[in-house]
Amino acid sequence: MSYLDNLENNLKALENLEERDPEKMKRERERREADRTAALLRAPHADALKNSPFTLELLTQCRAIGHGQRVLVQFTWLGETLRLDAKAKRMLLSPTAEGITAMFSVNGEESGRANVDPLVDDAAALAKRWLEGL
């Protein structure tokens, strides 16, 4: 057996030992369980964001206000998050365990946050706050 074969076998043995490390496996299992729990808590808010009439009205209002300002408002779904872009302005609507959070930014710098409830809040007011108020 050559030196390189011996070295390769030793490295494989170390990798296998690391993979079977009970502490590492426990941490990985806990992380997966925490991710799963967080996803289950976010799920109703993510569904409300994707399927509520509020979202459709928000997109319509943003396009109408943007048209009046001669600004194209683009929207993109990134997983559960809705991103709206209008020139240098950006709004991210993200579901969290507590609800939906709107994060406003201008030129990449955060300029504000707001909690959004699609059952109560006015989509037109949110669109105006984002496009006209900032």
C-alpha atoms as a PDB file:
ATOM      1  CA  MET A   1       0.000   0.000   0.000  1.00  0.00           C
ATOM      2  CA  SER A   2       1.453   3.338  -1.007  1.00  0.00           C
ATOM      3  CA  TYR A   3       1.630   6.450   1.110  1.00  0.00           C
ATOM      4  CA  LEU A   4      -1.172   8.172  -0.857  1.00  0.00           C
ATOM      5  CA  ASP A   5      -3.507   5.173  -0.501  1.00  0.00           C
ATOM      6  CA  ASN A   6      -2.863   5.088   3.222  1.00  0.00           C
ATOM      7  CA  LEU A   7      -3.511   8.826   3.497  1.00  0.00           C
ATOM      8  CA  GLU A   8      -6.725   8.527   1.509  1.00  0.00           C
ATOM      9  CA  ASN A   9      -7.959   5.683   3.733  1.00  0.00           C
ATOM     10  CA  ASN A  10      -7.177   7.728   6.855  1.00  0.00           C
ATOM     11  CA  LEU A  11      -9.098  10.727   5.497  1.00  0.00           C
ATOM     12  CA  LYS A  12     -12.104   8.546   4.646  1.00  0.00           C
ATOM     13  CA  ALA A  13     -12.023   7.060   8.141  1.00  0.00           C
ATOM     14  CA  LEU A  14     -11.982  10.544   9.682  1.00  0.00           C
ATOM     15  CA  GLU A  15     -14.887  11.682   7.505  1.00  0.00           C
ATOM     16  CA  ASN A  16     -16.914   8.616   8.475  1.00  0.00           C
ATOM     17  CA  LEU A  17     -16.119   9.216  12.139  1.00  0.00           C
ATOM     18  CA  GLU A  18     -17.253  12.841  11.825  1.00  0.00           C
ATOM     19  CA  GLU A  19     -20.482  11.791  10.112  1.00  0.00           C
ATOM     20  CA  ARG A  20     -21.279   9.433  12.979  1.00  0.00           C
ATOM     21  CA  ASP A  21     -20.548  12.023  15.671  1.00  0.00           C
ATOM     22  CA  PRO A  22     -23.626  11.898  17.956  1.00  0.00           C
ATOM     23  CA  GLU A  23     -23.346  15.560  18.970  1.00  0.00           C
ATOM     24  CA  LYS A  24     -23.237  16.697  15.364  1.00  0.00           C
ATOM     25  CA  MET A  25     -26.194  14.487  14.478  1.00  0.00           C
ATOM     26  CA  LYS A  26     -28.147  15.855  17.458  1.00  0.00           C
ATOM     27  CA  ARG A  27     -27.433  19.472  16.479  1.00  0.00           C
ATOM     28  CA  GLU A  28     -28.461  18.759  12.873  1.00  0.00           C
ATOM     29  CA  ARG A  29     -31.695  17.076  13.988  1.00  0.00           C
ATOM     30  CA  GLU A  30     -32.498  20.026  16.312  1.00  0.00           C
ATOM     31  CA  ARG A  31     -31.819  22.510  13.502  1.00  0.00           C
ATOM     32  CA  ARG A  32     -34.102  20.607  11.106  1.00  0.00           C
ATOM     33  CA  GLU A  33     -36.845  20.456  13.746  1.00  0.00           C
ATOM     34  CA  ALA A  34     -36.532  24.213  14.425  1.00  0.00           C
ATOM     35  CA  ASP A  35     -36.715  24.945  10.671  1.00  0.00           C
ATOM     36  CA  ARG A  36     -39.792  22.745  10.354  1.00  0.00           C
ATOM     37  CA  THR A  37     -41.511  24.402  13.319  1.00  0.00           C
ATOM     38  CA  ALA A  38     -40.756  27.874  11.955  1.00  0.00           C
ATOM     39  CA  ALA A  39     -42.132  26.896   8.538  1.00  0.00           C
ATOM     40  CA  LEU A  40     -45.329  25.577  10.132  1.00  0.00           C
ATOM     41  CA  LEU A  41     -45.775  28.832  12.070  1.00  0.00           C
ATOM     42  CA  ARG A  42     -45.202  30.910   8.897  1.00  0.00           C
ATOM     43  CA  ALA A  43     -47.466  28.780   6.686  1.00  0.00           C
ATOM     44  CA  PRO A  44     -50.833  30.491   7.362  1.00  0.00           C
ATOM     45  CA  HIS A  45     -49.314  33.944   6.850  1.00  0.00           C
ATOM     46  CA  ALA A  46     -47.519  32.842   3.676  1.00  0.00           C
ATOM     47  CA  ASP A  47     -50.790  31.438   2.342  1.00  0.00           C
ATOM     48  CA  ALA A  48     -52.610  34.680   3.204  1.00  0.00           C
ATOM     49  CA  LEU A  49     -49.925  36.695   1.427  1.00  0.00           C
ATOM     50  CA  LYS A  50     -50.095  34.597  -1.728  1.00  0.00           C
ATOM     51  CA  ASN A  51     -53.841  34.083  -1.979  1.00  0.00           C
ATOM     52  CA  SER A  52     -55.584  37.028  -0.332  1.00  0.00           C
ATOM     53  CA  PRO A  53     -57.450  39.754  -2.234  1.00  0.00           C
ATOM     54  CA  PHE A  54     -55.247  42.210  -0.295  1.00  0.00           C
ATOM     55  CA  THR A  55     -52.196  41.164  -2.325  1.00  0.00           C
ATOM     56  CA  LEU A  56     -54.003  41.506  -5.634  1.00  0.00           C
ATOM     57  CA  GLU A  57     -55.291  44.940  -4.615  1.00  0.00           C
ATOM     58  CA  LEU A  58     -51.790  45.970  -3.456  1.00  0.00           C
ATOM     59  CA  LEU A  59     -50.270  45.018  -6.796  1.00  0.00           C
ATOM     60  CA  THR A  60     -53.040  46.855  -8.660  1.00  0.00           C
ATOM     61  CA  GLN A  61     -52.624  50.000  -6.544  1.00  0.00           C
ATOM     62  CA  CYS A  62     -48.831  49.947  -6.877  1.00  0.00           C
ATOM     63  CA  ARG A  63     -49.107  49.686 -10.658  1.00  0.00           C
ATOM     64  CA  ALA A  64     -51.667  52.540 -10.764  1.00  0.00           C
ATOM     65  CA  ILE A  65     -49.614  54.855  -8.534  1.00  0.00           C
ATOM     66  CA  GLY A  66     -46.424  53.914 -10.384  1.00  0.00           C
ATOM     67  CA  HIS A  67     -48.093  54.661 -13.709  1.00  0.00           C
ATOM     68  CA  GLY A  68     -49.034  58.122 -12.433  1.00  0.00           C
ATOM     69  CA  GLN A  69     -45.401  58.687 -11.442  1.00  0.00           C
ATOM     70  CA  ARG A  70     -44.165  57.199 -14.714  1.00  0.00           C
ATOM     71  CA  VAL A  71     -42.376  54.440 -12.787  1.00  0.00           C
ATOM     72  CA  LEU A  72     -42.559  50.748 -13.623  1.00  0.00           C
ATOM     73  CA  VAL A  73     -43.376  48.698 -10.535  1.00  0.00           C
ATOM     74  CA  GLN A  74     -42.067  45.170 -10.856  1.00  0.00           C
ATOM     75  CA  PHE A  75     -43.023  42.380  -8.503  1.00  0.00           C
ATOM     76  CA  THR A  76     -41.313  39.070  -7.976  1.00  0.00           C
ATOM     77  CA  TRP A  77     -42.053  36.080  -5.770  1.00  0.00           C
ATOM     78  CA  LEU A  78     -38.939  34.783  -4.011  1.00  0.00           C
ATOM     79  CA  GLY A  79     -40.177  31.670  -2.264  1.00  0.00           C
ATOM     80  CA  GLU A  80     -42.687  32.955   0.304  1.00  0.00           C
ATOM     81  CA  THR A  81     -41.540  36.578  -0.020  1.00  0.00           C
ATOM     82  CA  LEU A  82     -43.075  39.146  -2.381  1.00  0.00           C
ATOM     83  CA  ARG A  83     -40.598  41.752  -3.636  1.00  0.00           C
ATOM     84  CA  LEU A  84     -41.782  44.966  -5.272  1.00  0.00           C
ATOM     85  CA  ASP A  85     -39.280  47.226  -7.059  1.00  0.00           C
ATOM     86  CA  ALA A  86     -39.829  50.755  -8.368  1.00  0.00           C
ATOM     87  CA  LYS A  87     -36.582  52.370  -9.511  1.00  0.00           C
ATOM     88  CA  ALA A  88     -34.514  52.770  -6.307  1.00  0.00           C
ATOM     89  CA  LYS A  89     -37.383  51.841  -3.969  1.00  0.00           C
ATOM     90  CA  ARG A  90     -38.032  48.304  -2.788  1.00  0.00           C
ATOM     91  CA  MET A  91     -40.632  46.708  -0.553  1.00  0.00           C
ATOM     92  CA  LEU A  92     -40.356  43.148   0.716  1.00  0.00           C
ATOM     93  CA  LEU A  93     -43.437  41.455   2.139  1.00  0.00           C
ATOM     94  CA  SER A  94     -42.302  38.465   4.191  1.00  0.00           C
ATOM     95  CA  PRO A  95     -44.388  36.066   6.265  1.00  0.00           C
ATOM     96  CA  THR A  96     -43.129  35.504   9.808  1.00  0.00           C
ATOM     97  CA  ALA A  97     -44.477  33.524  12.743  1.00  0.00           C
ATOM     98  CA  GLU A  98     -46.136  36.708  14.044  1.00  0.00           C
ATOM     99  CA  GLY A  99     -47.660  37.854  10.734  1.00  0.00           C
ATOM    100  CA  ILE A 100     -46.541  39.593   7.564  1.00  0.00           C
ATOM    101  CA  THR A 101     -43.761  42.171   7.709  1.00  0.00           C
ATOM    102  CA  ALA A 102     -43.235  44.872   5.087  1.00  0.00           C
ATOM    103  CA  MET A 103     -39.663  46.151   4.836  1.00  0.00           C
ATOM    104  CA  PHE A 104     -39.111  49.349   2.863  1.00  0.00           C
ATOM    105  CA  SER A 105     -35.746  50.333   1.404  1.00  0.00           C
ATOM    106  CA  VAL A 106     -34.371  53.082  -0.801  1.00  0.00           C
ATOM    107  CA  ASN A 107     -31.085  52.576  -2.674  1.00  0.00           C
ATOM    108  CA  GLY A 108     -30.495  49.378  -0.712  1.00  0.00           C
ATOM    109  CA  GLU A 109     -30.771  51.042   2.716  1.00  0.00           C
ATOM    110  CA  GLU A 110     -33.669  50.115   4.973  1.00  0.00           C
ATOM    111  CA  SER A 111     -35.992  53.063   5.506  1.00  0.00           C
ATOM    112  CA  GLY A 112     -38.766  51.462   7.518  1.00  0.00           C
ATOM    113  CA  ARG A 113     -40.755  48.427   8.573  1.00  0.00           C
ATOM    114  CA  ALA A 114     -44.428  47.780   9.129  1.00  0.00           C
ATOM    115  CA  ASN A 115     -46.598  44.866  10.156  1.00  0.00           C
ATOM    116  CA  VAL A 116     -49.291  44.072   7.604  1.00  0.00           C
ATOM    117  CA  ASP A 117     -52.574  42.296   8.254  1.00  0.00           C
ATOM    118  CA  PRO A 118     -54.232  41.379   4.945  1.00  0.00           C
ATOM    119  CA  LEU A 119     -57.639  41.080   6.608  1.00  0.00           C
ATOM    120  CA  VAL A 120     -57.587  44.560   8.181  1.00  0.00           C
ATOM    121  CA  ASP A 121     -55.078  46.828   6.424  1.00  0.00           C
ATOM    122  CA  ASP A 122     -55.784  48.924   3.348  1.00  0.00           C
ATOM    123  CA  ALA A 123     -53.699  47.927   0.325  1.00  0.00           C
ATOM    124  CA  ALA A 124     -54.009  51.396  -1.238  1.00  0.00           C
ATOM    125  CA  ALA A 125     -52.654  53.055   1.904  1.00  0.00           C
ATOM    126  CA  LEU A 126     -49.666  50.695   1.975  1.00  0.00           C
ATOM    127  CA  ALA A 127     -48.965  51.347  -1.709  1.00  0.00           C
ATOM    128  CA  LYS A 128     -49.131  55.126  -1.170  1.00  0.00           C
ATOM    129  CA  ARG A 129     -46.895  54.890   1.885  1.00  0.00           C
ATOM    130  CA  TRP A 130     -44.310  52.983  -0.092  1.00  0.00           C
ATOM    131  CA  LEU A 131     -44.357  54.908  -3.372  1.00  0.00           C
ATOM    132  CA  GLU A 132     -45.287  58.422  -2.257  1.00  0.00           C
ATOM    133  CA  GLY A 133     -44.448  58.629   1.419  1.00  0.00           C
ATOM    134  CA  LEU A 134     -40.823  57.501   1.389  1.00  0.00           C
END
